[in-house]
Amino acid sequence: MEGKHNSAQGDFAAQLTERFGLLLTQKQLAELLGRSTGGLRYSLCSPSDARTRALKACGCRIGRRVYYPAIEVARIISVADDE
């Protein structure tokens, strides 16, 4: 079962990378999650659930912007969907 989960997670990560590239902006992450950019930004400022805390933790600051690695986002979303 674990191999099947990793394969699906890898497929999802590949789809994200193909669509957005290796790093997602907050705008792209909001689009992926079906949220407004402002709503996502607010949620990340005061995370209330495990998935939001994980997304905030995986963010990488480059200059003044925060980017989210596609592989980490795929892992976080896949784990949240399994629960």
N, C-alpha and C. Protein backbone atom coordinates (compact mmCIF):
# COMPACT_ATOMS: atom_id res chain seq x y z
N MET A 1 0.83 -1.19 0.00
CA MET A 1 0.00 0.00 0.00
C MET A 1 0.87 1.25 0.00
N GLU A 2 1.97 1.23 0.72
CA GLU A 2 2.86 2.40 0.79
C GLU A 2 3.43 2.75 -0.57
N GLY A 3 3.79 1.75 -1.36
CA GLY A 3 4.33 2.00 -2.70
C GLY A 3 3.31 2.67 -3.60
N LYS A 4 2.06 2.24 -3.48
CA LYS A 4 0.99 2.83 -4.28
C LYS A 4 0.78 4.29 -3.90
N HIS A 5 0.84 4.59 -2.60
CA HIS A 5 0.68 5.96 -2.11
C HIS A 5 1.82 6.84 -2.62
N ASN A 6 3.05 6.37 -2.55
CA ASN A 6 4.19 7.14 -3.02
C ASN A 6 4.12 7.37 -4.52
N SER A 7 3.61 6.39 -5.26
CA SER A 7 3.48 6.54 -6.71
C SER A 7 2.46 7.61 -7.05
N ALA A 8 1.34 7.60 -6.36
CA ALA A 8 0.30 8.61 -6.61
C ALA A 8 0.81 9.99 -6.22
N GLN A 9 1.53 10.05 -5.11
CA GLN A 9 2.09 11.32 -4.66
C GLN A 9 3.12 11.82 -5.67
N GLY A 10 3.93 10.93 -6.21
CA GLY A 10 4.92 11.30 -7.22
C GLY A 10 4.26 11.79 -8.50
N ASP A 11 3.16 11.14 -8.89
CA ASP A 11 2.41 11.58 -10.08
C ASP A 11 1.85 12.97 -9.87
N PHE A 12 1.30 13.22 -8.69
CA PHE A 12 0.73 14.53 -8.39
C PHE A 12 1.83 15.59 -8.38
N ALA A 13 2.98 15.25 -7.79
CA ALA A 13 4.12 16.19 -7.78
C ALA A 13 4.58 16.49 -9.20
N ALA A 14 4.60 15.48 -10.06
CA ALA A 14 4.99 15.69 -11.46
C ALA A 14 4.00 16.60 -12.17
N GLN A 15 2.71 16.42 -11.90
CA GLN A 15 1.69 17.28 -12.50
C GLN A 15 1.85 18.73 -12.04
N LEU A 16 2.10 18.91 -10.74
CA LEU A 16 2.30 20.26 -10.21
C LEU A 16 3.53 20.91 -10.83
N THR A 17 4.61 20.16 -10.92
CA THR A 17 5.84 20.69 -11.50
C THR A 17 5.64 21.06 -12.96
N GLU A 18 4.92 20.23 -13.69
CA GLU A 18 4.66 20.51 -15.11
C GLU A 18 3.80 21.77 -15.27
N ARG A 19 2.84 21.94 -14.37
CA ARG A 19 1.90 23.07 -14.49
C ARG A 19 2.49 24.37 -13.97
N PHE A 20 3.18 24.32 -12.81
CA PHE A 20 3.64 25.54 -12.15
C PHE A 20 5.15 25.71 -12.12
N GLY A 21 5.91 24.65 -12.32
CA GLY A 21 7.35 24.71 -12.16
C GLY A 21 7.74 24.16 -10.79
N LEU A 22 9.01 24.28 -10.45
CA LEU A 22 9.49 23.70 -9.19
C LEU A 22 9.01 24.44 -7.95
N LEU A 23 8.79 25.75 -8.08
CA LEU A 23 8.36 26.56 -6.96
C LEU A 23 7.04 27.25 -7.29
N LEU A 24 6.10 27.22 -6.35
CA LEU A 24 4.82 27.87 -6.53
C LEU A 24 4.82 29.20 -5.78
N THR A 25 4.23 30.21 -6.39
CA THR A 25 4.03 31.49 -5.71
C THR A 25 2.78 31.35 -4.85
N GLN A 26 2.53 32.35 -4.00
CA GLN A 26 1.31 32.32 -3.20
C GLN A 26 0.08 32.38 -4.09
N LYS A 27 0.15 33.12 -5.16
CA LYS A 27 -0.97 33.22 -6.09
C LYS A 27 -1.27 31.85 -6.71
N GLN A 28 -0.23 31.13 -7.14
CA GLN A 28 -0.41 29.81 -7.72
C GLN A 28 -0.93 28.81 -6.70
N LEU A 29 -0.41 28.89 -5.47
CA LEU A 29 -0.86 28.00 -4.41
C LEU A 29 -2.34 28.26 -4.11
N ALA A 30 -2.74 29.51 -4.06
CA ALA A 30 -4.14 29.85 -3.83
C ALA A 30 -5.02 29.30 -4.95
N GLU A 31 -4.56 29.42 -6.19
CA GLU A 31 -5.30 28.88 -7.34
C GLU A 31 -5.46 27.37 -7.21
N LEU A 32 -4.39 26.69 -6.83
CA LEU A 32 -4.41 25.24 -6.68
C LEU A 32 -5.39 24.81 -5.60
N LEU A 33 -5.43 25.55 -4.50
CA LEU A 33 -6.30 25.20 -3.38
C LEU A 33 -7.72 25.74 -3.53
N GLY A 34 -7.97 26.52 -4.58
CA GLY A 34 -9.30 27.07 -4.80
C GLY A 34 -9.65 28.17 -3.81
N ARG A 35 -8.64 28.96 -3.43
CA ARG A 35 -8.82 30.04 -2.47
C ARG A 35 -8.42 31.36 -3.10
N SER A 36 -8.85 32.44 -2.49
CA SER A 36 -8.37 33.74 -2.94
C SER A 36 -6.97 33.95 -2.36
N THR A 37 -6.19 34.79 -2.99
CA THR A 37 -4.84 35.06 -2.51
C THR A 37 -4.88 35.67 -1.11
N GLY A 38 -5.79 36.59 -0.89
CA GLY A 38 -5.93 37.22 0.43
C GLY A 38 -6.35 36.23 1.50
N GLY A 39 -7.26 35.33 1.15
CA GLY A 39 -7.70 34.30 2.11
C GLY A 39 -6.58 33.35 2.47
N LEU A 40 -5.78 32.96 1.47
CA LEU A 40 -4.63 32.08 1.75
C LEU A 40 -3.62 32.80 2.62
N ARG A 41 -3.34 34.05 2.30
CA ARG A 41 -2.38 34.83 3.08
C ARG A 41 -2.83 34.93 4.54
N TYR A 42 -4.13 35.17 4.75
CA TYR A 42 -4.67 35.26 6.11
C TYR A 42 -4.52 33.93 6.84
N SER A 43 -4.84 32.82 6.16
CA SER A 43 -4.72 31.50 6.77
C SER A 43 -3.29 31.18 7.15
N LEU A 44 -2.34 31.58 6.31
CA LEU A 44 -0.94 31.30 6.58
C LEU A 44 -0.41 32.16 7.74
N CYS A 45 -1.01 33.32 7.96
CA CYS A 45 -0.58 34.18 9.08
C CYS A 45 -0.96 33.57 10.42
N SER A 46 -2.11 32.93 10.48
CA SER A 46 -2.55 32.30 11.73
C SER A 46 -3.11 30.91 11.42
N PRO A 47 -2.20 29.95 11.18
CA PRO A 47 -2.64 28.61 10.78
C PRO A 47 -3.41 27.91 11.90
N SER A 48 -4.55 27.31 11.54
CA SER A 48 -5.38 26.65 12.54
C SER A 48 -5.42 25.14 12.39
N ASP A 49 -4.96 24.61 11.27
CA ASP A 49 -4.96 23.16 11.09
C ASP A 49 -3.57 22.68 10.66
N ALA A 50 -3.40 21.37 10.68
CA ALA A 50 -2.08 20.78 10.41
C ALA A 50 -1.61 21.06 8.99
N ARG A 51 -2.52 21.00 8.02
CA ARG A 51 -2.12 21.22 6.63
C ARG A 51 -1.62 22.64 6.42
N THR A 52 -2.31 23.61 7.00
CA THR A 52 -1.90 25.01 6.85
C THR A 52 -0.56 25.26 7.54
N ARG A 53 -0.37 24.65 8.72
CA ARG A 53 0.93 24.79 9.41
C ARG A 53 2.05 24.18 8.59
N ALA A 54 1.79 23.04 7.95
CA ALA A 54 2.81 22.39 7.11
C ALA A 54 3.12 23.24 5.88
N LEU A 55 2.10 23.83 5.27
CA LEU A 55 2.33 24.70 4.11
C LEU A 55 3.15 25.92 4.50
N LYS A 56 2.84 26.51 5.65
CA LYS A 56 3.59 27.67 6.11
C LYS A 56 5.05 27.29 6.38
N ALA A 57 5.26 26.12 6.97
CA ALA A 57 6.61 25.68 7.31
C ALA A 57 7.45 25.38 6.07
N CYS A 58 6.83 24.93 4.98
CA CYS A 58 7.62 24.57 3.80
C CYS A 58 7.94 25.76 2.92
N GLY A 59 7.36 26.92 3.21
CA GLY A 59 7.62 28.10 2.41
C GLY A 59 9.08 28.53 2.47
N CYS A 60 9.64 28.88 1.32
CA CYS A 60 11.03 29.33 1.22
C CYS A 60 11.04 30.81 0.83
N ARG A 61 11.67 31.61 1.63
CA ARG A 61 11.75 33.04 1.33
C ARG A 61 12.94 33.28 0.41
N ILE A 62 12.66 33.89 -0.73
CA ILE A 62 13.70 34.29 -1.68
C ILE A 62 13.50 35.78 -1.91
N GLY A 63 14.39 36.56 -1.37
CA GLY A 63 14.21 38.01 -1.41
C GLY A 63 13.03 38.38 -0.54
N ARG A 64 12.07 39.08 -1.11
CA ARG A 64 10.89 39.48 -0.36
C ARG A 64 9.70 38.55 -0.58
N ARG A 65 9.86 37.58 -1.44
CA ARG A 65 8.75 36.69 -1.79
C ARG A 65 8.90 35.33 -1.12
N VAL A 66 7.77 34.67 -0.95
CA VAL A 66 7.75 33.31 -0.39
C VAL A 66 7.31 32.36 -1.49
N TYR A 67 8.06 31.29 -1.68
CA TYR A 67 7.76 30.27 -2.67
C TYR A 67 7.57 28.94 -1.96
N TYR A 68 6.78 28.07 -2.57
CA TYR A 68 6.45 26.78 -2.00
C TYR A 68 6.89 25.68 -2.96
N PRO A 69 7.80 24.79 -2.53
CA PRO A 69 8.27 23.71 -3.41
C PRO A 69 7.12 22.79 -3.83
N ALA A 70 7.01 22.53 -5.11
CA ALA A 70 5.91 21.72 -5.64
C ALA A 70 5.89 20.33 -5.02
N ILE A 71 7.05 19.74 -4.79
CA ILE A 71 7.11 18.40 -4.22
C ILE A 71 6.55 18.38 -2.80
N GLU A 72 6.90 19.40 -2.00
CA GLU A 72 6.39 19.48 -0.64
C GLU A 72 4.89 19.74 -0.62
N VAL A 73 4.42 20.61 -1.50
CA VAL A 73 2.98 20.91 -1.58
C VAL A 73 2.22 19.63 -1.94
N ALA A 74 2.73 18.86 -2.90
CA ALA A 74 2.08 17.61 -3.29
C ALA A 74 2.04 16.64 -2.12
N ARG A 75 3.13 16.56 -1.36
CA ARG A 75 3.17 15.66 -0.20
C ARG A 75 2.14 16.09 0.85
N ILE A 76 2.07 17.36 1.13
CA ILE A 76 1.16 17.88 2.15
C ILE A 76 -0.30 17.65 1.73
N ILE A 77 -0.61 17.93 0.49
CA ILE A 77 -1.98 17.74 0.01
C ILE A 77 -2.34 16.26 -0.01
N SER A 78 -1.42 15.41 -0.44
CA SER A 78 -1.68 13.97 -0.51
C SER A 78 -1.91 13.39 0.88
N VAL A 79 -1.12 13.79 1.85
CA VAL A 79 -1.28 13.30 3.22
C VAL A 79 -2.60 13.78 3.79
N ALA A 80 -2.97 15.03 3.53
CA ALA A 80 -4.22 15.58 4.04
C ALA A 80 -5.42 14.88 3.42
N ASP A 81 -5.34 14.48 2.16
CA ASP A 81 -6.43 13.80 1.50
C ASP A 81 -6.63 12.38 2.03
N ASP A 82 -5.55 11.76 2.52
CA ASP A 82 -5.63 10.39 3.04
C ASP A 82 -6.28 10.35 4.42
N GLU A 83 -6.24 11.44 5.14
CA GLU A 83 -6.77 11.44 6.52
C GLU A 83 -8.25 11.54 6.56
